[in-house]
Amino acid sequence: MSKRPDILFLLPDQLRPDFLGCYGANFLQTPAIDALAARGTRWETAISPSPICVPARASMLTGQHAHSSGITHNLCWLRPDRRQMGIRTWPEILSQQSYHTAAIGKMHFYPWDLSEGFQHRTIAEDKRHIHVRDDYHLALLAEGEEKRHGNQMQGYYENKGACINPLPDHLQPDRWVAHRAAEHLRSLPANQPFAMMVGFPGPHCPYDPPTEALERIDPATIPQACPRTRESETHLPHHIAGYRRDWADLDYTELSAMQIRAIRHHYAASVERLDEDVAMLVDTLRQTGRLDNTIIVFASDHGDYLGDFGLMGKGFFHEPSVRVPLIVSDYRAPQTRVETAPASLLDLFPSFLDWSGAAPQRQAQGRKLSEPDPERCIAGMTTGGVMLRDPRWKLVRYANGCEALFDLQADPQEQCNVIDQHADVRQRLDTELTRSLLEGMAAGHADKNVPDAKSPADGVFHDRYWQRPYPAQL
């Protein structure tokens, strides 16, 4: 097919797959997202190697591991001279392929209004960045409203983050982003392909749907959280200290079953509203006549514990944190398929390039989604630890000294640390983890290479006053 596809990348923040109907959830309704899966490919196992907002987004943008880019926590970002080092983002590359590139909603760049290669941005940073004076802030001011911290909403302290957002429907964060994305889709010229990333601020905490959304779901039908373990309890001090800071202002020293149920109820209600937003964007593509030539990608940057292991949010390497939904629906050639080979969020970068017709890039450390590997190992890293996960086993090591091995086949809820029972598996995963970390770190420091040091005897390197080229050509 000669006509290049339009690409719509839908990225809700902190969405775990088991709260979607197409991943088995029967306690809520997500017909629009389920429809994407019904006419596309749904990955049963998609992994966020660095399950924190900023590292995950940097990896998706550049195709690099966190241990290559150095983006391993939420208070860092890509170096400003990355282009000199040969590191480009997928929107930069697609823009050079004559695509119109746009980013609507939350991106989590620093500075927050940085383009990072997108030709158009409409900005609504996440619900925790209430002081950012972005486009969403201006829209609220125009209607006499303002961004609110969760602690200004009904139920926030009592339900440990589950609260009620009092804003009118069209000013709710995800709904506002969806409307802006639909507007931009309608404004696009018909003769130019587009690649648009829509970053929904939810269902990230605070878990703040409007009251009427809660009434559609029976909280008694939502699965309960899995228990704490000796391994997960080692993370509690760091976890509790993080949420006590002013961005959240919550104390998770105690988290009751009733509070967990409320959190999961509010989260589920937010997911149902997100599904309505997805439906609106698909309808907009249909109305503008572009749907039949569009590839829609639906994923998330990481999951959410929602009380599993006594934890909230993300950041550690348990399945509720690292597992994300991944659906690719190519409306040019609809098919229904479930891919069981594991995928990584790093795979999006080379796939976007492949779909657009752009040449592969050496910086890409994932693989095209069209090239699955059933035996694949996926390495991960944050400031807090490292992970190596294959289809059956997961090895994790944390900065707090905790080390664990889980048999995901026999123990999918990771309740039993078998690190001392499978020396051969531990060694195999440790070897692969070490290889991945070393290769990634070497790639991340390739700018410092001095290949002229091996030049022949008559090379200029041997002359006095030779100047070292920097950065090295990657």
Foldseek 3Di string as FASTA:
>chain_A
DPDFFFEEEEAEAAAFDCLAVCLPPPQAHQVLVNVLQQFFEWENFEWQQQLAQAQLLQCLFFQAACLQQVAFYLPDHGDPCVVVVVTAGLLQLLVVLQAQEEEFEARSHVVRPDCSNHPYYQYDHALLPQPDCGNLQVVQVVVVHGRDQQVVFPPCAVLVLQGADPDPPCSDQQNVRLVVVLVVLLVDDPVTHYHYYRYGNPPDTSLYYHPVLLVVGDLVSDDFAAEAAPLLVLCVVVQQVVCCDPSNVYGLPDHDSVSLSSSVSSRSSVSNVNSVSSVVNLVSCVVSVNNLRYKYWYKYSWHFRSCHNSGTGERDPACRTTGMIIGIRGSVRTDNYYHHFYAYSSQNSQQSCVSSVHDDDPNNPGHHPVDGDNFDWDWHHHQFWIWIDTSFKIWIAGPSGDTFMDGCVVCVSRRDGCVPPCVPVNVVRVVVNVVVSVVSNCSSQQQPDQVCVPPDPPDPVPPPPDDGDGRDHD
